[in-house]
Protein backbone atom coordinates (compact mmCIF):
# COMPACT_ATOMS: atom_id res chain seq x y z
CA LYS A 1 34.09 105.98 -164.12
CA GLY A 2 32.12 103.37 -162.28
CA CYS A 3 32.95 101.38 -159.17
CA GLN A 4 35.97 99.13 -159.63
CA GLY A 5 37.67 96.54 -157.50
CA SER A 6 37.61 92.83 -156.82
CA ARG A 7 35.94 93.07 -153.41
CA PRO A 8 32.12 92.93 -153.31
CA VAL A 9 30.51 96.24 -152.50
CA ARG A 10 28.18 96.31 -149.54
CA PRO A 11 24.67 97.70 -150.20
CA LYS A 12 25.22 100.82 -148.03
CA THR A 13 28.66 101.63 -149.44
CA LEU A 14 28.88 104.42 -152.04
CA CYS A 15 31.75 104.67 -154.45
CA ALA A 16 33.21 107.95 -155.64
CA ALA A 17 31.20 107.92 -158.88
CA GLN A 18 27.93 107.45 -156.97
CA ARG A 19 28.78 110.27 -154.55
CA ARG A 20 29.50 112.59 -157.48
CA ALA A 21 26.17 111.64 -159.07
CA ILE A 22 24.32 112.40 -155.83
CA GLY A 23 26.16 115.71 -155.54
CA ARG A 24 25.04 116.70 -159.04
CA ALA A 25 21.42 115.85 -158.20
CA SER A 26 21.38 117.78 -154.92
CA PRO A 27 20.41 121.25 -156.37
CA SER A 28 17.11 119.96 -157.74
CA THR A 29 16.41 118.20 -154.44
CA ALA A 30 17.04 121.39 -152.50
CA MET A 31 14.39 123.15 -154.57
CA VAL A 32 11.75 120.63 -153.48
CA VAL A 33 12.46 120.69 -149.73
CA PRO A 34 11.13 124.25 -149.04
CA MET A 35 7.80 123.34 -150.66
CA MET A 36 7.30 120.39 -148.34
CA ALA A 37 8.66 121.95 -145.14
CA PRO A 38 5.98 122.85 -142.57
CA MET A 39 5.33 126.54 -142.05
CA GLU A 40 6.35 127.97 -138.71
CA GLY A 41 5.99 131.30 -136.98
CA GLY A 42 3.15 133.31 -135.50
CA ILE A 43 0.29 135.01 -137.28
CA ASN A 44 1.08 138.29 -135.54
CA ALA A 45 4.42 138.41 -137.36
CA LEU A 46 2.74 138.39 -140.78
CA PRO A 47 2.17 141.58 -142.81
CA ARG A 48 -1.00 143.52 -142.13
CA GLU A 49 -2.66 142.65 -145.44
CA VAL A 50 -2.10 138.95 -144.77
CA ARG A 51 -3.61 139.27 -141.29
CA ASP A 52 -6.62 141.03 -142.81
CA MET A 53 -7.16 138.08 -145.16
CA LEU A 54 -6.94 135.70 -142.21
CA GLY A 55 -9.62 137.78 -140.54
CA GLN A 56 -11.89 137.18 -143.54
CA ILE A 57 -11.06 133.47 -143.40
CA LYS A 58 -12.18 133.51 -139.76
CA LYS A 59 -15.64 134.64 -140.85
CA ALA A 60 -15.76 131.77 -143.33
CA VAL A 61 -14.79 129.33 -140.57
CA TYR A 62 -17.59 130.73 -138.42
CA GLY A 63 -19.99 130.06 -141.26
CA LEU A 64 -18.73 126.51 -141.64
CA TRP A 65 -19.41 125.83 -137.96
CA ILE A 66 -22.84 127.50 -137.91
CA LEU A 67 -24.06 125.87 -141.12
CA GLY A 68 -22.07 122.65 -140.87
CA ILE A 69 -23.54 121.39 -137.60
CA PRO A 70 -27.22 121.33 -138.75
CA TYR A 71 -26.13 120.15 -142.19
CA THR A 72 -24.30 117.21 -140.60
CA VAL A 73 -27.46 116.32 -138.66
CA LEU A 74 -29.44 116.17 -141.92
CA ASN A 75 -26.68 114.64 -144.04
CA PRO A 76 -23.99 113.05 -141.84
CA LEU A 77 -21.82 111.65 -144.62
CA SER A 78 -21.45 114.89 -146.54
CA GLY A 79 -21.45 117.08 -143.44
CA PHE A 80 -18.46 115.26 -141.97
CA THR A 81 -16.14 116.86 -144.55
CA VAL A 82 -17.53 120.30 -143.68
CA LEU A 83 -16.76 119.83 -139.98
CA ILE A 84 -13.27 118.58 -140.81
CA LEU A 85 -12.60 121.79 -142.73
CA ALA A 86 -14.00 123.87 -139.85
CA ILE A 87 -11.73 122.05 -137.37
CA VAL A 88 -8.65 122.60 -139.54
CA GLY A 89 -9.58 126.27 -139.88
CA THR A 90 -9.93 126.59 -136.12
CA PHE A 91 -6.47 125.12 -135.57
CA LEU A 92 -5.10 127.47 -138.22
CA LEU A 93 -6.50 130.51 -136.37
CA LYS A 94 -5.57 129.35 -132.88
CA GLU A 95 -3.87 132.70 -132.10
CA ASP A 96 -7.04 134.66 -132.77
CA PRO A 97 -8.61 135.73 -129.45
CA GLN A 98 -12.10 134.80 -130.63
CA MET A 99 -10.96 131.36 -131.75
CA ALA A 100 -8.84 130.58 -128.68
CA ALA A 101 -11.69 129.10 -126.61
CA CYS A 102 -12.86 126.78 -129.39
CA TYR A 103 -9.29 125.78 -130.12
CA SER A 104 -8.64 124.92 -126.46
CA VAL A 105 -11.66 122.61 -126.35
CA LEU A 106 -10.61 120.84 -129.55
CA ARG A 107 -6.98 120.68 -128.48
CA GLU A 108 -7.83 118.80 -125.30
CA SER A 109 -10.01 116.31 -127.15
CA ILE A 110 -8.98 113.34 -129.25
CA ILE A 111 -9.09 115.61 -132.31
CA GLY A 112 -6.12 117.53 -130.97
CA GLN A 113 -3.98 114.42 -131.22
CA CYS A 114 -4.57 114.35 -134.98
CA CYS A 115 -4.10 118.03 -135.84
CA GLY A 116 -0.90 118.76 -133.92
CA SER A 117 -0.25 122.16 -132.39
CA GLY A 118 -1.99 124.18 -135.11
CA GLY A 119 -0.93 127.59 -136.40
CA LEU A 120 0.46 128.28 -139.85
CA ALA A 121 1.43 124.61 -140.18
CA MET A 122 -2.28 123.95 -140.84
CA LEU A 123 -2.40 126.36 -143.79
CA PRO A 124 -1.47 123.85 -146.56
CA PRO A 125 -4.09 121.25 -145.54
CA PHE A 126 -6.68 124.01 -145.10
CA VAL A 127 -6.01 125.28 -148.62
CA MET A 128 -6.25 121.79 -150.09
CA LEU A 129 -9.41 120.79 -148.22
CA SER A 130 -11.23 124.06 -148.93
CA ILE A 131 -10.45 123.82 -152.65
CA LEU A 132 -11.56 120.17 -152.85
CA ASN A 133 -14.77 120.84 -150.93
CA ALA A 134 -15.59 123.88 -153.05
CA VAL A 135 -15.03 121.96 -156.30
CA PHE A 136 -17.14 118.96 -155.28
CA ASP A 137 -19.95 121.11 -153.92
CA THR A 138 -19.92 123.19 -157.10
CA ILE A 139 -20.45 120.05 -159.17
CA GLN A 140 -23.28 118.87 -156.91
CA LEU A 141 -25.04 122.24 -156.88
CA VAL A 142 -24.83 122.53 -160.67
CA GLN A 143 -26.43 119.10 -161.02
CA ILE A 144 -29.17 119.90 -158.48
CA PHE A 145 -30.13 123.26 -159.97
CA SER A 146 -30.00 121.91 -163.51
CA LEU A 147 -32.56 119.25 -162.55
CA TYR A 148 -34.87 121.14 -160.19
CA GLY A 149 -34.16 124.82 -160.85
CA SER A 150 -35.22 127.35 -158.24
CA VAL A 151 -37.54 124.78 -156.63
CA ALA A 152 -34.42 123.30 -154.98
CA LEU A 153 -34.22 126.37 -152.73
CA THR A 154 -37.35 125.19 -150.92
CA SER A 155 -35.27 122.40 -149.34
CA PRO A 156 -33.48 123.38 -146.09
CA LEU A 157 -30.71 120.94 -146.97
CA ILE A 158 -29.98 122.72 -150.26
CA VAL A 159 -30.08 126.14 -148.60
CA LEU A 160 -27.53 124.99 -146.01
CA LYS A 161 -25.37 123.46 -148.72
CA LEU A 162 -25.44 126.68 -150.72
CA GLY A 163 -24.29 128.69 -147.71
CA ILE A 164 -21.54 126.17 -146.99
CA TRP A 165 -20.39 126.36 -150.60
CA ILE A 166 -20.05 130.15 -150.32
CA CYS A 167 -17.95 129.78 -147.15
CA GLU A 168 -15.78 127.12 -148.78
CA LEU A 169 -15.24 129.24 -151.87
CA VAL A 170 -14.24 132.29 -149.82
CA ALA A 171 -11.93 130.17 -147.67
CA ALA A 172 -10.30 128.58 -150.74
CA LEU A 173 -9.62 131.88 -152.51
CA LEU A 174 -8.32 133.76 -149.47
CA SER A 175 -6.28 130.90 -148.01
CA PHE A 176 -4.56 130.37 -151.35
CA ARG A 177 -3.60 134.05 -151.45
CA VAL A 178 -2.26 133.77 -147.90
CA PHE A 179 -0.33 130.65 -148.86
CA LYS A 180 1.39 132.46 -151.73
CA ALA A 181 2.18 135.42 -149.48
CA VAL A 182 3.81 133.45 -146.66
CA MET A 183 5.69 130.91 -148.77
CA PRO A 184 9.39 131.80 -149.14
CA PRO A 185 10.53 132.34 -152.74
CA LEU A 186 12.41 129.44 -154.29
CA PRO A 187 16.06 130.07 -155.15
CA ASP A 188 16.88 130.48 -158.82
CA GLY A 189 18.62 127.26 -159.71
CA ASP A 190 21.08 126.88 -162.61
CA SER A 191 19.36 124.86 -165.29
CA GLY A 192 22.71 123.79 -166.74
CA TYR A 193 22.00 125.28 -170.17
CA GLN A 194 23.06 128.47 -171.86
CA GLN A 195 21.76 130.08 -175.02
CA LEU A 196 23.60 129.63 -178.28
CA PRO A 197 23.50 131.98 -181.28
CA GLY A 198 20.46 131.10 -183.33
CA GLY A 199 18.22 130.19 -180.36
CA PHE A 200 19.73 126.80 -179.51
CA ALA A 201 20.75 125.75 -175.99
CA ALA A 202 23.71 123.60 -175.01
CA PRO A 203 24.90 122.24 -171.63
CA SER A 204 27.11 124.71 -169.81
CA GLY A 205 28.95 122.09 -167.73
CA GLY A 206 31.99 120.15 -168.85
CA GLY A 207 32.34 116.48 -169.59
CA GLY A 208 29.66 116.38 -172.27
CA GLY A 209 29.73 113.93 -175.10
CA GLY A 210 31.27 114.78 -178.41
CA GLY A 211 34.30 116.63 -176.97
CA GLY A 212 34.68 120.34 -176.58
CA GLY A 213 34.23 120.26 -172.77
CA GLY A 214 30.59 121.36 -173.11
CA LEU A 215 31.51 124.79 -174.59
CA PRO A 216 29.02 126.38 -176.98
CA ARG A 217 29.81 126.03 -180.65
CA PRO A 218 28.84 128.56 -183.33
CA TRP A 219 25.62 127.91 -185.18
CA PRO A 220 25.18 127.40 -188.06
CA PRO A 221 28.50 125.59 -188.60
CA GLN A 222 30.96 127.68 -190.54
CA ALA A 223 32.48 126.06 -193.61
CA GLY A 224 36.30 126.03 -193.58
CA PRO A 225 38.66 126.21 -196.50
CA PRO A 226 38.65 123.18 -198.82
CA ALA A 227 41.17 120.52 -197.94
CA ALA A 228 44.08 120.00 -200.30
CA GLY A 229 44.05 116.93 -202.50
CA PRO A 230 46.93 114.58 -203.32
CA ARG A 231 48.30 117.02 -205.96
CA GLY A 232 47.78 120.22 -203.97
CA GLY A 233 44.37 120.99 -205.52
CA PRO A 234 40.97 120.93 -203.81
CA GLN A 235 39.30 117.55 -203.37
């Protein structure tokens, strides 16, 4: 039933039918919230295999800093994205003793106002940026080597870009594995359907159209006895 009554309904007022509709939609909404919630907690609380992967990511971040600074001098526009990824990786590994000094310098600068407090909350953007950088650099390197071949390796810019691409690829693969390991499993939600004989599905909740309260019906339909005609015989 919809909203009834002679008084006009204010925009922020919900009737009973609207509240029931929102209540029915809440399970699907609850499944989306954990995916978007920021990750919290310390790296030291993670399992050992996850910490080992973060240690490999640290080496990739080192490579991004070492190769990204001269690459940015030679190619500022493209090198800016490399330094952004290195900064996000540094904030991600802020609890690492070898990264603490670099993190403290960045945290006190204007960059720290953009990246927050760091930690595992920086894992999703690090995964996304490393994957995007690796994909774009793969396309560029394929185009360069298809045009110039091995002669392209004589350019310092291409050598730096190749090393950066390796660091980005390692960071993308390992950070995605860490992301899957630390993400909490989603609860199994009720899809609202149950299997019928013969491989067909029907809504399990009540109130469905066509009567029957949403209960499954046998399939295929079973033919009943013939109805009696006006004189007692079959029609």
